[in-house]
Structures are given as C-alpha cells and as structure tokens.
Amino acid sequence: MSRSIDDIQRDIERTRHQLAQTLDQLAERSRPQNLVDDAKNGVTEKLQDPTVQRILAGVGAVVVGGIVLAVVRSRKKNKDLKEIQRLLSQR
C-alpha cells in the first residue's frame, strides 16, 4: 500500500517537530546554570544520607586528630631543641 504525498509530508513535519523539541530539551539540559543546579541538588541529596554523614564525620575526626598529633609533636620537638640548646650553652 502506497502512501500519499500528503501523508509523507505530515510524517516529515511531525519528525521535524519532534527533532526540534529534542534539540530544545538538550540545549536546556546542557545550559551551564542547569548543570550547576543539578550538581548542587545531587550533592545536597548525598549529604542528607546518614551513612555519608557518618563517613564525613569520621574523616573529619581523623583529620583533626592528625592536626592535633602534628601540633603536639612539633611542640615536643621545640621543647627538646630548647633543652638541647640550654644544655649546650652550659658547657
């Protein structure tokens, strides 16, 4: 069964319209502000997850512990150096 020219032209117009809509959607999705908003929303959702919050709290505790340890070691090292300087100056 052969289609009429009018049917073919309607199909072509419908396909053009669908393609135009698809291109508009792609352009809208790829706008930088929309990409930023999507990323923000994704991160916000992840941060709402209790498991992620516990992991971040653990990482934060390890970082703070490392900083405290470094400060304590540095102070001990400075104290030891001053003691060595004091002993050497007494010679």
C-alpha atoms as a PDB file:
ATOM      1  CA  MET A   1       0.000   0.000   0.000  1.00  0.00           C
ATOM      2  CA  SER A   2       1.487   3.228  -1.063  1.00  0.00           C
ATOM      3  CA  ARG A   3       1.233   6.377   0.996  1.00  0.00           C
ATOM      4  CA  SER A   4       0.083   9.658  -0.377  1.00  0.00           C
ATOM      5  CA  ILE A   5       2.370  12.650  -0.663  1.00  0.00           C
ATOM      6  CA  ASP A   6       0.291  14.439   1.993  1.00  0.00           C
ATOM      7  CA  ASP A   7       0.857  11.572   4.457  1.00  0.00           C
ATOM      8  CA  ILE A   8       4.582  11.614   3.787  1.00  0.00           C
ATOM      9  CA  GLN A   9       4.744  15.401   4.235  1.00  0.00           C
ATOM     10  CA  ARG A  10       2.814  15.153   7.538  1.00  0.00           C
ATOM     11  CA  ASP A  11       5.249  12.475   8.747  1.00  0.00           C
ATOM     12  CA  ILE A  12       8.189  14.654   7.768  1.00  0.00           C
ATOM     13  CA  GLU A  13       6.709  17.668   9.593  1.00  0.00           C
ATOM     14  CA  ARG A  14       5.946  15.567  12.680  1.00  0.00           C
ATOM     15  CA  THR A  15       9.504  14.213  12.670  1.00  0.00           C
ATOM     16  CA  ARG A  16      10.936  17.729  12.252  1.00  0.00           C
ATOM     17  CA  HIS A  17       8.813  18.949  15.153  1.00  0.00           C
ATOM     18  CA  GLN A  18       9.931  16.057  17.367  1.00  0.00           C
ATOM     19  CA  LEU A  19      13.557  16.675  16.436  1.00  0.00           C
ATOM     20  CA  ALA A  20      13.205  20.383  17.216  1.00  0.00           C
ATOM     21  CA  GLN A  21      11.710  19.547  20.624  1.00  0.00           C
ATOM     22  CA  THR A  22      14.506  17.098  21.349  1.00  0.00           C
ATOM     23  CA  LEU A  23      17.148  19.671  20.421  1.00  0.00           C
ATOM     24  CA  ASP A  24      15.450  22.269  22.618  1.00  0.00           C
ATOM     25  CA  GLN A  25      15.458  19.832  25.544  1.00  0.00           C
ATOM     26  CA  LEU A  26      19.130  19.026  25.012  1.00  0.00           C
ATOM     27  CA  ALA A  27      20.009  22.722  24.834  1.00  0.00           C
ATOM     28  CA  GLU A  28      18.091  23.386  28.049  1.00  0.00           C
ATOM     29  CA  ARG A  29      19.746  20.490  29.881  1.00  0.00           C
ATOM     30  CA  SER A  30      23.227  21.495  28.789  1.00  0.00           C
ATOM     31  CA  ARG A  31      22.994  25.123  29.939  1.00  0.00           C
ATOM     32  CA  PRO A  32      25.801  25.698  32.462  1.00  0.00           C
ATOM     33  CA  GLN A  33      23.458  27.026  35.150  1.00  0.00           C
ATOM     34  CA  ASN A  34      21.249  23.946  34.841  1.00  0.00           C
ATOM     35  CA  LEU A  35      24.289  21.677  35.100  1.00  0.00           C
ATOM     36  CA  VAL A  36      25.414  23.545  38.230  1.00  0.00           C
ATOM     37  CA  ASP A  37      21.943  23.317  39.748  1.00  0.00           C
ATOM     38  CA  ASP A  38      21.772  19.587  39.026  1.00  0.00           C
ATOM     39  CA  ALA A  39      25.183  19.058  40.620  1.00  0.00           C
ATOM     40  CA  LYS A  40      24.172  21.078  43.706  1.00  0.00           C
ATOM     41  CA  ASN A  41      20.982  19.084  44.084  1.00  0.00           C
ATOM     42  CA  GLY A  42      22.902  15.814  43.750  1.00  0.00           C
ATOM     43  CA  VAL A  43      25.445  16.811  46.378  1.00  0.00           C
ATOM     44  CA  THR A  44      22.712  18.045  48.725  1.00  0.00           C
ATOM     45  CA  GLU A  45      20.905  14.720  48.398  1.00  0.00           C
ATOM     46  CA  LYS A  46      24.112  12.803  49.139  1.00  0.00           C
ATOM     47  CA  LEU A  47      24.836  14.953  52.194  1.00  0.00           C
ATOM     48  CA  GLN A  48      21.351  14.177  53.542  1.00  0.00           C
ATOM     49  CA  ASP A  49      22.230  10.461  53.633  1.00  0.00           C
ATOM     50  CA  PRO A  50      23.087   9.392  57.228  1.00  0.00           C
ATOM     51  CA  THR A  51      25.756   6.971  56.013  1.00  0.00           C
ATOM     52  CA  VAL A  52      27.556   9.728  54.116  1.00  0.00           C
ATOM     53  CA  GLN A  53      27.274  11.993  57.160  1.00  0.00           C
ATOM     54  CA  ARG A  54      28.895   9.337  59.363  1.00  0.00           C
ATOM     55  CA  ILE A  55      31.695   8.801  56.861  1.00  0.00           C
ATOM     56  CA  LEU A  56      32.359  12.553  56.622  1.00  0.00           C
ATOM     57  CA  ALA A  57      32.334  12.834  60.415  1.00  0.00           C
ATOM     58  CA  GLY A  58      34.880  10.011  60.614  1.00  0.00           C
ATOM     59  CA  VAL A  59      37.114  11.622  58.005  1.00  0.00           C
ATOM     60  CA  GLY A  60      36.836  14.941  59.835  1.00  0.00           C
ATOM     61  CA  ALA A  61      37.797  13.282  63.123  1.00  0.00           C
ATOM     62  CA  VAL A  62      40.846  11.662  61.515  1.00  0.00           C
ATOM     63  CA  VAL A  63      41.946  14.990  60.006  1.00  0.00           C
ATOM     64  CA  VAL A  64      41.526  16.822  63.318  1.00  0.00           C
ATOM     65  CA  GLY A  65      43.364  14.013  65.112  1.00  0.00           C
ATOM     66  CA  GLY A  66      46.229  14.263  62.621  1.00  0.00           C
ATOM     67  CA  ILE A  67      46.475  18.003  63.096  1.00  0.00           C
ATOM     68  CA  VAL A  68      46.465  17.676  66.877  1.00  0.00           C
ATOM     69  CA  LEU A  69      49.139  14.979  66.700  1.00  0.00           C
ATOM     70  CA  ALA A  70      51.296  17.156  64.437  1.00  0.00           C
ATOM     71  CA  VAL A  71      50.982  20.130  66.799  1.00  0.00           C
ATOM     72  CA  VAL A  72      51.851  18.010  69.843  1.00  0.00           C
ATOM     73  CA  ARG A  73      54.891  16.520  68.095  1.00  0.00           C
ATOM     74  CA  SER A  74      56.024  19.954  66.948  1.00  0.00           C
ATOM     75  CA  ARG A  75      55.762  21.372  70.457  1.00  0.00           C
ATOM     76  CA  LYS A  76      57.646  18.399  71.899  1.00  0.00           C
ATOM     77  CA  LYS A  77      60.332  18.803  69.245  1.00  0.00           C
ATOM     78  CA  ASN A  78      60.665  22.522  70.026  1.00  0.00           C
ATOM     79  CA  LYS A  79      60.830  21.760  73.733  1.00  0.00           C
ATOM     80  CA  ASP A  80      63.536  19.134  73.146  1.00  0.00           C
ATOM     81  CA  LEU A  81      65.531  21.533  70.955  1.00  0.00           C
ATOM     82  CA  LYS A  82      65.379  24.238  73.604  1.00  0.00           C
ATOM     83  CA  GLU A  83      66.550  21.734  76.219  1.00  0.00           C
ATOM     84  CA  ILE A  84      69.470  20.691  73.999  1.00  0.00           C
ATOM     85  CA  GLN A  85      70.352  24.370  73.412  1.00  0.00           C
ATOM     86  CA  ARG A  86      70.223  25.000  77.158  1.00  0.00           C
ATOM     87  CA  LEU A  87      72.481  22.028  77.868  1.00  0.00           C
ATOM     88  CA  LEU A  88      74.952  23.050  75.172  1.00  0.00           C
ATOM     89  CA  SER A  89      75.081  26.611  76.435  1.00  0.00           C
ATOM     90  CA  GLN A  90      76.026  25.333  79.913  1.00  0.00           C
ATOM     91  CA  ARG A  91      79.135  23.577  78.588  1.00  0.00           C
END
